[in-house]
Amino acid sequence: MESTSTTTPTVEEFRRELGELVAAHRPRLFAVCEEIGVREDGFVRCWGLDFGDAAEVFSAEDGRGRARFRSADAARAHLARHDQVHLIWADELGSTRCAGNDGDESAHHPRTRGRE
């Protein structure tokens, strides 16, 4: 962050500059959700942060289990080896777009039930 001013910015100006910096570099939040049955139910298996060049995932159950992947889709593909999973982008929840095991993004009806 470079300032073009020779004077020290006010607290408000500096916070606005920091906010712009955060907005420009923030990671994208996603979840990998596991499907139970054939679209009978589902739950969030892990939460992730996509940094563009890598993705970090954290266990949704306790947050202690974590892994690093080259991308959010690589995390989905790894978790899809044994289970039907879907990649859900938090910033696209209004459109309910997700990617299933085949990597195809399509509209899905959101489930309201959680893992019991």
Protein backbone atom coordinates (compact mmCIF):
# COMPACT_ATOMS: atom_id res chain seq x y z
CA MET A 1 0.00 0.00 0.00
CA GLU A 2 1.56 3.24 -1.13
CA SER A 3 0.34 6.65 -0.18
CA THR A 4 0.47 9.45 -2.76
CA SER A 5 0.10 12.07 -0.04
CA THR A 6 3.03 13.60 1.83
CA THR A 7 0.88 14.12 4.91
CA THR A 8 -0.13 11.45 7.35
CA PRO A 9 -3.67 10.25 6.57
CA THR A 10 -6.41 10.54 9.16
CA VAL A 11 -7.47 7.38 10.96
CA GLU A 12 -10.56 7.19 8.73
CA GLU A 13 -8.51 7.62 5.55
CA PHE A 14 -6.00 5.01 6.65
CA ARG A 15 -8.75 2.53 7.58
CA ARG A 16 -10.35 3.10 4.15
CA GLU A 17 -6.98 2.40 2.47
CA LEU A 18 -6.56 -0.75 4.54
CA GLY A 19 -10.09 -1.82 3.59
CA GLU A 20 -9.23 -1.42 -0.09
CA LEU A 21 -6.09 -3.49 0.45
CA VAL A 22 -8.09 -6.25 2.16
CA ALA A 23 -10.75 -6.21 -0.58
CA ALA A 24 -8.10 -6.55 -3.28
CA HIS A 25 -6.34 -9.49 -1.61
CA ARG A 26 -8.99 -11.37 0.34
CA PRO A 27 -9.32 -15.12 -0.21
CA ARG A 28 -12.61 -16.66 -1.40
CA LEU A 29 -14.52 -18.69 1.17
CA PHE A 30 -15.87 -22.07 0.09
CA ALA A 31 -17.24 -25.26 1.59
CA VAL A 32 -16.97 -28.84 0.45
CA CYS A 33 -20.30 -30.46 1.27
CA GLU A 34 -20.92 -34.20 1.37
CA GLU A 35 -24.08 -35.62 -0.12
CA ILE A 36 -25.94 -38.32 1.82
CA GLY A 37 -27.87 -40.80 -0.27
CA VAL A 38 -29.02 -39.46 -3.60
CA ARG A 39 -29.63 -35.82 -2.69
CA GLU A 40 -31.46 -36.94 0.47
CA ASP A 41 -29.39 -34.76 2.78
CA GLY A 42 -25.96 -33.25 3.14
CA PHE A 43 -23.55 -31.52 5.46
CA VAL A 44 -20.51 -29.25 5.37
CA ARG A 45 -17.49 -31.53 5.46
CA CYS A 46 -14.88 -28.77 5.42
CA TRP A 47 -14.46 -25.04 5.04
CA GLY A 48 -11.83 -23.57 2.78
CA LEU A 49 -10.07 -20.41 1.75
CA ASP A 50 -8.97 -20.07 -1.87
CA PHE A 51 -5.96 -17.74 -2.21
CA GLY A 52 -5.76 -18.00 -6.00
CA ASP A 53 -2.53 -19.98 -6.08
CA ALA A 54 -3.45 -22.39 -3.26
CA ALA A 55 -6.40 -23.41 -1.08
CA GLU A 56 -6.46 -24.26 2.62
CA VAL A 57 -9.24 -26.46 3.97
CA PHE A 58 -10.26 -26.97 7.58
CA SER A 59 -12.44 -29.69 9.08
CA ALA A 60 -15.94 -28.35 9.68
CA GLU A 61 -16.34 -30.68 12.65
CA ASP A 62 -13.60 -29.30 14.87
CA GLY A 63 -11.45 -27.04 12.69
CA ARG A 64 -8.30 -28.88 13.72
CA GLY A 65 -7.92 -31.10 10.65
CA ARG A 66 -6.49 -29.11 7.78
CA ALA A 67 -4.86 -29.59 4.40
CA ARG A 68 -3.40 -27.50 1.60
CA PHE A 69 -4.27 -28.00 -2.08
CA ARG A 70 -3.32 -26.24 -5.30
CA SER A 71 -6.94 -25.08 -5.71
CA ALA A 72 -10.45 -25.39 -4.29
CA ASP A 73 -11.31 -27.79 -7.12
CA ALA A 74 -8.30 -29.96 -6.24
CA ALA A 75 -9.62 -30.17 -2.66
CA ARG A 76 -13.06 -31.17 -4.00
CA ALA A 77 -11.51 -33.78 -6.29
CA HIS A 78 -9.44 -35.25 -3.45
CA LEU A 79 -12.47 -35.52 -1.16
CA ALA A 80 -14.58 -36.93 -4.02
CA ARG A 81 -12.44 -40.08 -4.24
CA HIS A 82 -14.73 -41.89 -1.80
CA ASP A 83 -17.80 -39.69 -1.34
CA GLN A 84 -20.21 -37.61 -3.41
CA VAL A 85 -19.19 -34.03 -2.61
CA HIS A 86 -20.03 -30.55 -3.87
CA LEU A 87 -17.91 -27.40 -3.94
CA ILE A 88 -19.99 -24.44 -2.76
CA TRP A 89 -18.67 -20.87 -3.05
CA ALA A 90 -19.91 -18.69 -0.17
CA ASP A 91 -20.00 -15.57 -2.36
CA GLU A 92 -22.33 -17.31 -4.83
CA LEU A 93 -24.94 -18.51 -2.34
CA GLY A 94 -27.64 -16.35 -3.92
CA SER A 95 -27.24 -18.30 -7.15
CA THR A 96 -26.73 -21.69 -5.38
CA ARG A 97 -24.04 -22.65 -7.93
CA CYS A 98 -21.81 -25.54 -7.01
CA ALA A 99 -19.54 -28.14 -8.56
CA GLY A 100 -20.26 -31.83 -7.98
CA ASN A 101 -17.92 -34.81 -8.28
CA ASP A 102 -17.81 -34.41 -12.05
CA GLY A 103 -16.60 -30.81 -11.65
CA ASP A 104 -19.62 -29.54 -13.56
CA GLU A 105 -21.04 -26.36 -12.09
CA SER A 106 -24.81 -26.23 -12.17
CA ALA A 107 -27.71 -24.88 -10.16
CA HIS A 108 -28.81 -27.09 -7.28
CA HIS A 109 -31.58 -26.69 -4.76
CA PRO A 110 -30.06 -25.94 -1.36
CA ARG A 111 -30.77 -28.32 1.52
CA THR A 112 -31.95 -26.91 4.79
CA ARG A 113 -31.25 -30.02 6.84
CA GLY A 114 -27.86 -30.42 8.47
CA ARG A 115 -26.00 -33.48 9.59
CA GLU A 116 -27.87 -34.90 12.55
